[in-house]
Amino acid sequence: MRARGAQVTDIVILVVAADDGVMKQTVESIQHARDAQVPIVLAINKCDKAEADPEKVKKELLAYDVVCEDYGGDVQAVHISAVTGDNLMALAEATIALAEMLELKADPTGPVEGTVIESFTDKGRGPVTTAIIQRGTLRKGSILVAGKSWAKVRLMFDENGKPIQEAYPSMPVGIVGWRDLPSAGDEILEVESEGRARAVVDWRKYEQEQEKNKEDLKILEEKRKEHQEAHQKAREKYGTLHWKERSFLKYQEKKEQKLLKPKEKEERDSPVLPIIIKGDVDGSVEAIVDIMNTYDASHECELQLVHFGVGDVSENDVNLAETFHGVIYGFNVNAGNVIQKSAAKKGVKIKLHKIIYRLIEDVQEELSFRLPCTVEENPIGEASILATFTVTEGKKKVPVAGCRVQKGQLEKQKKFKLIRNRDVIWKGSLTSLKHHKDDISVIKSGMDCGLSLSEEKIEFKVGDEIICYEEKEVPGKTSWDPGF
């Protein structure tokens, strides 16, 4: 989204908080401005705060080749406060001065050209786009093409929602009258007639279909080649054999494949999280889908993006989620009472969020919830073996270890492990724990004791360690890190 903004604009106003300084997103924005070769005006915000340090911000930006005029560079820096309104006019003046210096001009005549900034569906108006006009003058009744959609402009409104009759270059404008919803970032072009618009859209759809067919054909060709190679290898393998021997070998291979099937089923039974994403505008959905595409923990739980789109959660989404046993995530959208009741009846989760980061965290939690629990060992006590001897019980000779508790305490009811040269030799439980001749259930640090294991064949050695521990089930946590 930041990259698209940098490509569309002529001047980037880089807003940095005076108390926070340069953040990760600041560096990303600087890189986008540099890639688009767009000049920067620095706005240092929150200068009304007591802890504000604008000079620190300027010094930090030097590391990213953003040199302010105070330090001999060409980047204007304005200290502002969005809360109190301080220096906002000075920021506007700095921007206008830079525009005049760069001689930024646009042609208000000729066919309209622009860029879709955002697109969304309004209940009363249908598909709506917000756009920046870059050339020409947009008027009601103009025929526009953007991506694989076209429009006859029925209504235009400014950034305050007020209806307007004309939109000139550099003006942000809302456009109503689209047949379908264009995507954010699509180029807007004016054409002479509705017939021409339909022809352009049909051609673009045809081109996309042809491109898809080429990709499908390429995949089919690769599969065919693989099958041919496999067939050739099979012919070479069985070619010289008698038909009886060939039949026997094929029978053996089928038998092996049947034995492998339970393992394959186990692999298929690994956890899966199907999700449906609904957003208020096309750009939000694009950002969320881009984050989902960074998912790299399919070996733990498979993440399936079943459907995504713009608009409120619908009955169709609920039915889709029910079919795939999925979860619906909504960003800045609503789910009516009827939809909520329908989802509850069908056992479908609908999770609505206003902040993208919270939505992603929710997906992480849902992924973690579907992972199996892991067992953690929490040490309770440690003892070292000082002597070994055997005790006769009936006709059996039982090996006994004479130990001293070094840390914590040993509890007979807990689990134990025997460690020799840092390797775990045995895990299990005790059959006896004694202090002198008394049977005890707990022995504390610094005390001596004798103990025998549940497995009599294990031999003790002086210097071995006995660890007393308890097992605790810990909920699984996804290893996926979306990068924020």
Protein backbone atom coordinates (compact mmCIF):
# COMPACT_ATOMS: atom_id res chain seq x y z
CA MET A 1 0.00 0.00 0.00
CA ARG A 2 2.87 2.39 0.84
CA ALA A 3 4.64 1.47 -2.40
CA ARG A 4 1.50 2.20 -4.43
CA GLY A 5 1.11 5.57 -2.68
CA ALA A 6 4.73 6.51 -3.45
CA GLN A 7 4.25 5.64 -7.14
CA VAL A 8 1.09 7.77 -7.44
CA THR A 9 2.23 10.92 -5.61
CA ASP A 10 4.65 13.70 -6.63
CA ILE A 11 5.82 14.60 -3.11
CA VAL A 12 6.02 12.28 -0.09
CA ILE A 13 5.29 13.79 3.34
CA LEU A 14 7.17 11.53 5.76
CA VAL A 15 5.52 11.73 9.21
CA VAL A 16 7.75 10.67 12.11
CA ALA A 17 6.75 10.84 15.79
CA ALA A 18 9.10 13.06 17.81
CA ASP A 19 8.88 10.75 20.85
CA ASP A 20 9.22 7.38 19.05
CA GLY A 21 11.83 8.34 16.44
CA VAL A 22 12.58 6.26 13.35
CA MET A 23 10.57 3.01 13.28
CA LYS A 24 10.58 0.02 10.94
CA GLN A 25 7.69 1.44 8.89
CA THR A 26 9.56 4.77 8.57
CA VAL A 27 12.51 2.99 6.96
CA GLU A 28 10.11 1.10 4.65
CA SER A 29 8.44 4.38 3.59
CA ILE A 30 11.83 6.00 2.87
CA GLN A 31 12.76 3.03 0.67
CA HIS A 32 9.46 3.25 -1.27
CA ALA A 33 9.96 7.01 -1.83
CA ARG A 34 13.50 6.35 -3.03
CA ASP A 35 12.39 3.56 -5.39
CA ALA A 36 9.72 5.86 -6.86
CA GLN A 37 12.27 8.72 -7.06
CA VAL A 38 9.90 11.07 -5.22
CA PRO A 39 11.19 13.98 -3.03
CA ILE A 40 10.45 13.98 0.72
CA VAL A 41 9.14 16.66 3.10
CA LEU A 42 9.73 15.64 6.73
CA ALA A 43 6.90 16.28 9.21
CA ILE A 44 8.02 15.66 12.80
CA ASN A 45 4.76 15.07 14.70
CA LYS A 46 3.86 15.10 18.44
CA CYS A 47 6.15 18.09 19.09
CA ASP A 48 3.68 19.22 21.80
CA LYS A 49 4.76 16.34 24.07
CA ALA A 50 7.25 16.94 26.88
CA GLU A 51 9.41 13.96 25.81
CA ALA A 52 9.53 15.08 22.15
CA ASP A 53 13.05 15.27 20.66
CA PRO A 54 12.94 16.46 17.00
CA GLU A 55 16.74 16.74 16.78
CA LYS A 56 17.09 13.06 17.67
CA VAL A 57 14.73 12.18 14.77
CA LYS A 58 16.83 14.24 12.31
CA LYS A 59 20.04 12.56 13.47
CA GLU A 60 18.50 9.06 13.20
CA LEU A 61 17.36 9.81 9.62
CA LEU A 62 20.96 10.60 8.60
CA ALA A 63 21.62 6.83 8.70
CA TYR A 64 19.05 6.43 5.87
CA ASP A 65 20.41 9.29 3.69
CA VAL A 66 17.56 11.63 4.63
CA VAL A 67 19.54 14.81 5.34
CA CYS A 68 17.56 17.81 6.62
CA GLU A 69 18.37 21.41 5.68
CA ASP A 70 19.72 21.99 9.23
CA TYR A 71 22.45 19.45 8.46
CA GLY A 72 23.27 20.73 4.98
CA GLY A 73 20.80 18.56 3.06
CA ASP A 74 17.81 19.36 0.86
CA VAL A 75 14.97 17.81 2.93
CA GLN A 76 12.66 20.36 4.56
CA ALA A 77 11.73 19.49 8.17
CA VAL A 78 8.63 20.97 9.83
CA HIS A 79 7.85 20.49 13.54
CA ILE A 80 4.11 19.91 13.86
CA SER A 81 1.43 18.73 16.27
CA ALA A 82 -1.64 17.03 14.81
CA VAL A 83 -3.43 17.42 18.17
CA THR A 84 -2.94 21.18 18.62
CA GLY A 85 -2.65 22.02 14.91
CA ASP A 86 0.73 23.76 15.36
CA ASN A 87 2.64 24.45 12.12
CA LEU A 88 0.21 22.59 9.83
CA MET A 89 0.04 25.67 7.59
CA ALA A 90 3.85 25.79 7.58
CA LEU A 91 3.84 22.16 6.37
CA ALA A 92 1.40 23.08 3.56
CA GLU A 93 3.60 26.03 2.57
CA ALA A 94 6.73 23.85 2.53
CA THR A 95 4.96 21.36 0.25
CA ILE A 96 3.73 24.11 -2.12
CA ALA A 97 7.21 25.70 -2.23
CA LEU A 98 8.76 22.34 -3.21
CA ALA A 99 6.07 21.80 -5.87
CA GLU A 100 6.81 25.22 -7.37
CA MET A 101 10.56 24.54 -7.33
CA LEU A 102 10.04 21.21 -9.13
CA GLU A 103 7.58 22.90 -11.53
CA LEU A 104 5.00 20.19 -11.02
CA LYS A 105 2.24 20.73 -13.56
CA ALA A 106 -0.56 18.68 -15.10
CA ASP A 107 -2.64 19.04 -18.27
CA PRO A 108 -6.34 19.66 -17.41
CA THR A 109 -7.38 19.03 -21.04
CA GLY A 110 -7.66 15.81 -23.01
CA PRO A 111 -8.82 12.33 -21.92
CA VAL A 112 -8.84 11.64 -18.19
CA GLU A 113 -6.02 9.58 -16.66
CA GLY A 114 -5.83 8.59 -13.00
CA THR A 115 -5.16 5.82 -10.49
CA VAL A 116 -7.52 3.87 -8.22
CA ILE A 117 -6.40 4.45 -4.62
CA GLU A 118 -9.11 2.36 -2.94
CA SER A 119 -12.26 0.50 -3.93
CA PHE A 120 -15.18 -0.74 -1.87
CA THR A 121 -18.85 -1.66 -2.12
CA ASP A 122 -21.40 0.76 -0.66
CA LYS A 123 -24.89 -0.59 0.10
CA GLY A 124 -26.67 2.37 -1.45
CA ARG A 125 -24.22 3.28 -4.21
CA GLY A 126 -22.76 -0.07 -5.31
CA PRO A 127 -19.07 -0.28 -6.32
CA VAL A 128 -17.22 2.92 -5.35
CA THR A 129 -13.60 3.93 -5.99
CA THR A 130 -11.50 6.70 -4.55
CA ALA A 131 -9.02 7.93 -7.14
CA ILE A 132 -6.41 10.57 -7.94
CA ILE A 133 -6.84 12.39 -11.26
CA GLN A 134 -3.45 12.81 -12.97
CA ARG A 135 -4.51 14.30 -16.32
CA GLY A 136 -7.65 15.78 -17.85
CA THR A 137 -10.86 16.89 -16.12
CA LEU A 138 -13.34 14.28 -14.90
CA ARG A 139 -17.04 15.13 -15.31
CA LYS A 140 -20.36 13.37 -14.69
CA GLY A 141 -21.20 11.09 -17.62
CA SER A 142 -17.54 10.34 -18.49
CA ILE A 143 -16.86 6.74 -19.56
CA LEU A 144 -13.91 5.22 -17.66
CA VAL A 145 -12.00 1.91 -17.81
CA ALA A 146 -9.90 0.53 -14.91
CA GLY A 147 -8.47 -2.97 -14.95
CA LYS A 148 -11.28 -5.33 -15.97
CA SER A 149 -14.09 -2.95 -15.07
CA TRP A 150 -15.70 0.13 -16.62
CA ALA A 151 -17.95 2.94 -15.42
CA LYS A 152 -20.25 5.68 -16.58
CA VAL A 153 -19.75 8.32 -13.88
CA ARG A 154 -23.08 8.86 -12.09
CA LEU A 155 -21.81 10.71 -9.04
CA MET A 156 -18.56 12.25 -7.80
CA PHE A 157 -17.70 13.46 -4.31
CA ASP A 158 -14.67 15.09 -2.67
CA GLU A 159 -12.61 13.99 0.37
CA ASN A 160 -15.33 15.40 2.67
CA GLY A 161 -18.11 13.43 0.96
CA LYS A 162 -19.62 16.53 -0.73
CA PRO A 163 -20.91 16.03 -4.31
CA ILE A 164 -18.83 17.73 -7.02
CA GLN A 165 -19.39 18.29 -10.74
CA GLU A 166 -15.75 18.25 -11.93
CA ALA A 167 -12.44 16.81 -10.71
CA TYR A 168 -9.15 18.33 -11.86
CA PRO A 169 -5.58 16.92 -11.79
CA SER A 170 -4.22 16.18 -8.28
CA MET A 171 -7.76 16.10 -6.83
CA PRO A 172 -8.82 13.07 -4.78
CA VAL A 173 -12.30 12.04 -5.90
CA GLY A 174 -14.85 9.35 -5.13
CA ILE A 175 -16.42 7.84 -8.26
CA VAL A 176 -19.79 6.05 -8.38
CA GLY A 177 -21.06 4.16 -11.44
CA TRP A 178 -18.74 1.17 -11.81
CA ARG A 179 -20.14 -2.04 -13.28
CA ASP A 180 -17.68 -4.15 -11.23
CA LEU A 181 -15.20 -3.36 -8.48
CA PRO A 182 -11.73 -2.39 -9.81
CA SER A 183 -8.61 -3.20 -7.78
CA ALA A 184 -6.56 -0.65 -5.86
CA GLY A 185 -3.67 0.51 -8.05
CA ASP A 186 -5.49 0.01 -11.37
CA GLU A 187 -4.93 2.73 -13.97
CA ILE A 188 -8.03 4.77 -14.93
CA LEU A 189 -8.42 5.79 -18.59
CA GLU A 190 -11.24 7.70 -20.26
CA VAL A 191 -12.74 6.28 -23.47
CA GLU A 192 -15.16 7.78 -25.97
CA SER A 193 -18.15 5.42 -25.57
CA GLU A 194 -19.70 2.57 -23.59
CA GLY A 195 -19.13 0.23 -26.55
CA ARG A 196 -15.43 1.06 -26.56
CA ALA A 197 -15.26 0.50 -22.77
CA ARG A 198 -16.90 -2.94 -23.09
CA ALA A 199 -14.52 -3.88 -25.91
CA VAL A 200 -11.46 -2.89 -23.83
CA VAL A 201 -12.69 -4.82 -20.78
CA ASP A 202 -13.57 -7.90 -22.88
CA TRP A 203 -10.10 -7.80 -24.50
CA ARG A 204 -8.38 -7.56 -21.11
CA LYS A 205 -10.44 -10.47 -19.77
CA TYR A 206 -9.62 -12.47 -22.91
CA GLU A 207 -5.89 -11.73 -22.47
CA GLN A 208 -6.02 -12.81 -18.83
CA GLU A 209 -7.84 -16.02 -19.83
CA GLN A 210 -5.21 -16.73 -22.50
CA GLU A 211 -2.41 -16.14 -19.99
CA LYS A 212 -4.09 -18.52 -17.54
CA ASN A 213 -4.51 -21.13 -20.29
CA LYS A 214 -0.80 -20.84 -21.12
CA GLU A 215 0.12 -21.44 -17.47
CA ASP A 216 -2.29 -24.40 -17.26
CA LEU A 217 -0.88 -25.82 -20.49
CA LYS A 218 2.65 -25.48 -19.13
CA ILE A 219 1.68 -27.39 -15.97
CA LEU A 220 -0.06 -30.09 -18.04
CA GLU A 221 3.00 -30.38 -20.28
CA GLU A 222 5.26 -30.86 -17.24
CA LYS A 223 2.90 -33.53 -15.83
CA ARG A 224 2.74 -35.31 -19.21
CA LYS A 225 6.54 -35.31 -19.38
CA GLU A 226 6.76 -36.80 -15.88
CA HIS A 227 4.25 -39.54 -16.81
CA GLN A 228 6.14 -40.31 -20.02
CA GLU A 229 9.42 -40.64 -18.13
CA ALA A 230 7.76 -42.88 -15.50
CA HIS A 231 6.21 -45.01 -18.26
CA GLN A 232 9.57 -45.29 -20.04
CA LYS A 233 11.31 -46.37 -16.82
CA ALA A 234 8.59 -48.97 -16.18
CA ARG A 235 9.01 -50.36 -19.71
CA GLU A 236 12.77 -50.58 -19.24
CA LYS A 237 12.24 -52.27 -15.87
CA TYR A 238 9.75 -54.90 -17.06
CA GLY A 239 10.70 -55.08 -20.77
CA THR A 240 12.92 -58.23 -20.64
CA LEU A 241 10.86 -60.12 -18.03
CA HIS A 242 8.43 -62.97 -18.65
CA TRP A 243 4.77 -61.98 -18.23
CA LYS A 244 4.47 -64.09 -15.04
CA GLU A 245 7.47 -62.39 -13.45
CA ARG A 246 6.14 -58.99 -14.55
CA SER A 247 2.73 -59.70 -12.99
CA PHE A 248 4.34 -60.85 -9.73
CA LEU A 249 6.48 -57.69 -9.46
CA LYS A 250 3.45 -55.44 -10.10
CA TYR A 251 1.50 -57.34 -7.43
CA GLN A 252 4.34 -56.79 -4.93
CA GLU A 253 4.46 -53.05 -5.71
CA LYS A 254 0.68 -52.70 -5.22
CA LYS A 255 1.03 -54.51 -1.89
CA GLU A 256 3.73 -52.04 -0.77
CA GLN A 257 1.54 -49.10 -1.82
CA LYS A 258 -1.32 -50.45 0.30
CA LEU A 259 0.99 -50.61 3.31
CA LEU A 260 1.98 -46.98 2.72
CA LYS A 261 -1.64 -45.75 2.64
CA PRO A 262 -2.13 -45.46 6.44
CA LYS A 263 0.99 -43.24 6.57
CA GLU A 264 -0.41 -41.08 3.75
CA LYS A 265 -3.73 -40.83 5.61
CA GLU A 266 -1.84 -39.73 8.72
CA GLU A 267 -0.17 -36.98 6.67
CA ARG A 268 -3.54 -35.85 5.31
CA ASP A 269 -4.96 -35.80 8.83
CA SER A 270 -2.53 -33.05 9.86
CA PRO A 271 -4.32 -29.91 11.15
CA VAL A 272 -5.80 -27.50 8.61
CA LEU A 273 -7.17 -23.98 9.10
CA PRO A 274 -9.43 -22.84 6.21
CA ILE A 275 -10.11 -19.07 6.36
CA ILE A 276 -12.35 -16.57 4.59
CA ILE A 277 -11.29 -12.89 4.58
CA LYS A 278 -13.69 -9.97 4.13
CA GLY A 279 -12.51 -6.33 4.18
CA ASP A 280 -13.97 -2.87 3.85
CA VAL A 281 -11.82 -1.86 0.87
CA ASP A 282 -9.74 -3.62 -1.76
CA GLY A 283 -6.43 -2.29 -0.37
CA SER A 284 -7.10 -3.72 3.11
CA VAL A 285 -7.92 -7.15 1.69
CA GLU A 286 -4.79 -6.99 -0.48
CA ALA A 287 -2.62 -6.17 2.56
CA ILE A 288 -4.11 -9.04 4.63
CA VAL A 289 -3.76 -11.55 1.77
CA ASP A 290 -0.13 -10.45 1.25
CA ILE A 291 0.58 -11.16 4.94
CA MET A 292 -1.13 -14.58 4.64
CA ASN A 293 1.15 -15.35 1.68
CA THR A 294 4.16 -15.13 4.04
CA TYR A 295 2.85 -18.20 5.93
CA ASP A 296 5.68 -20.74 6.10
CA ALA A 297 4.57 -23.24 8.74
CA SER A 298 2.49 -25.65 6.62
CA HIS A 299 4.42 -28.55 8.18
CA GLU A 300 2.68 -27.68 11.49
CA CYS A 301 -0.78 -26.66 10.28
CA GLU A 302 -1.95 -26.00 6.74
CA LEU A 303 -3.45 -22.54 6.17
CA GLN A 304 -6.07 -22.57 3.38
CA LEU A 305 -7.34 -19.25 2.01
CA VAL A 306 -10.76 -20.40 0.78
CA HIS A 307 -12.12 -17.01 -0.30
CA PHE A 308 -11.49 -13.27 0.07
CA GLY A 309 -13.49 -10.24 -0.95
CA VAL A 310 -14.76 -6.74 -0.23
CA GLY A 311 -17.96 -6.06 1.74
CA ASP A 312 -19.85 -7.20 4.84
CA VAL A 313 -20.02 -10.87 5.85
CA SER A 314 -22.82 -12.54 3.87
CA GLU A 315 -24.83 -15.76 4.11
CA ASN A 316 -22.74 -17.07 1.21
CA ASP A 317 -19.56 -16.63 3.31
CA VAL A 318 -21.16 -18.52 6.20
CA ASN A 319 -22.20 -21.39 3.92
CA LEU A 320 -18.69 -21.53 2.46
CA ALA A 321 -17.12 -21.56 5.95
CA GLU A 322 -19.51 -24.35 7.00
CA THR A 323 -18.56 -26.45 3.95
CA PHE A 324 -14.81 -26.10 4.58
CA HIS A 325 -15.05 -26.05 8.43
CA GLY A 326 -13.36 -22.66 8.30
CA VAL A 327 -13.25 -19.35 10.15
CA ILE A 328 -14.44 -15.99 8.78
CA TYR A 329 -12.20 -12.99 9.48
CA GLY A 330 -13.61 -9.52 8.87
CA PHE A 331 -11.67 -6.25 8.80
CA ASN A 332 -13.71 -3.04 9.28
CA VAL A 333 -16.88 -4.86 8.13
CA ASN A 334 -20.12 -5.88 9.82
CA ALA A 335 -22.01 -9.11 10.26
CA GLY A 336 -25.75 -8.51 10.82
CA ASN A 337 -27.77 -10.23 13.55
CA VAL A 338 -29.32 -12.64 11.01
CA ILE A 339 -25.82 -13.61 9.76
CA GLN A 340 -24.50 -13.97 13.34
CA LYS A 341 -27.42 -16.27 14.29
CA SER A 342 -27.00 -18.32 11.12
CA ALA A 343 -23.25 -18.70 11.81
CA ALA A 344 -23.89 -19.73 15.44
CA LYS A 345 -26.46 -22.30 14.28
CA LYS A 346 -24.00 -23.77 11.76
CA GLY A 347 -21.05 -23.67 14.18
CA VAL A 348 -19.10 -21.12 12.13
CA LYS A 349 -16.80 -18.62 13.87
CA ILE A 350 -16.97 -14.98 12.71
CA LYS A 351 -14.13 -12.81 14.01
CA LEU A 352 -14.33 -9.07 13.32
CA HIS A 353 -11.42 -6.67 13.80
CA LYS A 354 -10.61 -2.97 13.34
CA ILE A 355 -6.80 -3.34 13.40
CA ILE A 356 -4.93 -5.55 10.90
CA TYR A 357 -2.29 -6.55 13.48
CA ARG A 358 -5.01 -7.83 15.84
CA LEU A 359 -6.57 -9.85 13.00
CA ILE A 360 -3.21 -11.48 12.20
CA GLU A 361 -2.61 -12.20 15.90
CA ASP A 362 -6.06 -13.86 16.01
CA VAL A 363 -5.09 -16.06 13.02
CA GLN A 364 -1.87 -17.00 14.84
CA GLU A 365 -3.88 -17.94 17.95
CA GLU A 366 -6.29 -20.05 15.86
CA LEU A 367 -3.35 -21.83 14.18
CA SER A 368 -1.74 -22.46 17.59
CA PHE A 369 -5.06 -23.77 18.98
CA ARG A 370 -5.13 -26.43 16.24
CA LEU A 371 -1.64 -27.69 17.03
CA PRO A 372 -1.15 -30.65 19.41
CA CYS A 373 0.10 -29.89 22.92
CA THR A 374 3.78 -30.42 23.66
CA VAL A 375 5.04 -32.06 26.86
CA GLU A 376 7.58 -30.08 28.87
CA GLU A 377 9.73 -31.52 31.65
CA ASN A 378 10.04 -29.28 34.71
CA PRO A 379 12.89 -30.40 37.03
CA ILE A 380 11.95 -30.64 40.71
CA GLY A 381 15.21 -31.96 42.15
CA GLU A 382 18.65 -33.35 41.33
CA ALA A 383 20.72 -35.95 43.16
CA SER A 384 24.18 -37.44 42.52
CA ILE A 385 24.99 -41.12 43.07
CA LEU A 386 27.77 -41.53 45.69
CA ALA A 387 27.65 -45.34 46.11
CA THR A 388 25.99 -48.44 44.62
CA PHE A 389 25.01 -51.69 46.31
CA THR A 390 22.46 -54.50 46.04
CA VAL A 391 19.69 -55.51 48.43
CA THR A 392 18.13 -58.98 48.54
CA GLU A 393 14.34 -58.98 48.46
CA GLY A 394 13.11 -62.57 48.67
CA LYS A 395 14.98 -64.36 45.91
CA LYS A 396 15.71 -61.21 43.93
CA LYS A 397 18.73 -58.94 44.08
CA VAL A 398 17.74 -55.33 43.63
CA PRO A 399 20.34 -52.67 42.71
CA VAL A 400 20.19 -49.63 44.99
CA ALA A 401 21.84 -46.23 44.56
CA GLY A 402 23.07 -44.23 47.55
CA CYS A 403 22.44 -40.59 46.65
CA ARG A 404 22.74 -37.07 48.00
CA VAL A 405 20.18 -34.48 46.93
CA GLN A 406 22.03 -31.50 45.40
CA LYS A 407 19.12 -29.29 44.33
CA GLY A 408 15.42 -29.06 45.14
CA GLN A 409 13.81 -32.28 46.37
CA LEU A 410 13.02 -35.82 45.22
CA GLU A 411 9.36 -36.87 45.31
CA LYS A 412 8.67 -40.58 44.99
CA GLN A 413 5.37 -40.12 43.12
CA LYS A 414 6.99 -38.04 40.35
CA LYS A 415 8.95 -39.23 37.31
CA PHE A 416 12.71 -39.75 37.27
CA LYS A 417 15.55 -40.06 34.77
CA LEU A 418 19.08 -41.39 35.08
CA ILE A 419 21.81 -39.35 33.37
CA ARG A 420 25.33 -40.62 32.61
CA ASN A 421 27.88 -38.41 30.82
CA ARG A 422 25.03 -36.04 29.88
CA ASP A 423 23.10 -38.87 28.14
CA VAL A 424 19.71 -40.04 29.41
CA ILE A 425 20.08 -43.76 30.21
CA TRP A 426 16.63 -44.41 31.69
CA LYS A 427 13.26 -42.76 32.35
CA GLY A 428 10.56 -44.06 34.65
CA SER A 429 9.44 -44.25 38.29
CA LEU A 430 10.96 -45.42 41.61
CA THR A 431 10.01 -48.58 43.46
CA SER A 432 11.49 -47.35 46.73
CA LEU A 433 12.91 -44.22 48.33
CA LYS A 434 14.48 -44.52 51.80
CA HIS A 435 16.23 -42.28 54.30
CA HIS A 436 18.31 -44.58 56.54
CA LYS A 437 15.81 -47.47 56.93
CA ASP A 438 12.61 -45.46 56.73
CA ASP A 439 10.42 -45.35 53.62
CA ILE A 440 9.77 -41.74 52.68
CA SER A 441 7.84 -39.93 49.93
CA VAL A 442 9.93 -36.72 49.82
CA ILE A 443 13.59 -35.97 50.54
CA LYS A 444 15.03 -32.47 50.50
CA SER A 445 18.29 -30.83 49.41
CA GLY A 446 21.46 -31.82 51.32
CA MET A 447 20.03 -35.12 52.61
CA ASP A 448 21.19 -38.68 51.75
CA CYS A 449 18.88 -41.40 50.54
CA GLY A 450 18.73 -44.82 48.89
CA LEU A 451 16.56 -45.48 45.87
CA SER A 452 15.76 -48.29 43.45
CA LEU A 453 14.27 -48.04 39.98
CA SER A 454 11.20 -49.69 38.43
CA GLU A 455 13.53 -51.36 35.88
CA GLU A 456 15.89 -53.71 37.73
CA LYS A 457 18.26 -54.35 34.81
CA ILE A 458 19.60 -50.78 34.92
CA GLU A 459 23.02 -50.60 36.58
CA PHE A 460 24.09 -47.58 38.60
CA LYS A 461 27.53 -46.01 38.47
CA VAL A 462 29.11 -43.59 40.91
CA GLY A 463 28.86 -40.09 39.44
CA ASP A 464 25.53 -40.71 37.67
CA GLU A 465 22.81 -38.10 38.18
CA ILE A 466 19.20 -38.70 39.14
CA ILE A 467 16.73 -36.02 38.04
CA CYS A 468 13.24 -35.82 39.52
CA TYR A 469 10.79 -34.02 37.20
CA GLU A 470 7.15 -33.53 36.39
CA GLU A 471 5.58 -33.45 32.94
CA LYS A 472 3.43 -30.52 31.95
CA GLU A 473 1.35 -30.19 28.81
CA VAL A 474 2.00 -26.88 27.05
CA PRO A 475 -0.38 -25.64 24.32
CA GLY A 476 1.21 -25.66 20.86
CA LYS A 477 2.37 -22.36 19.34
CA THR A 478 2.80 -21.69 15.63
CA SER A 479 6.31 -20.84 14.45
CA TRP A 480 4.93 -18.49 11.77
CA ASP A 481 6.27 -14.96 12.20
CA PRO A 482 4.43 -12.48 9.93
CA GLY A 483 7.18 -9.91 10.54
CA PHE A 484 5.69 -7.45 13.04
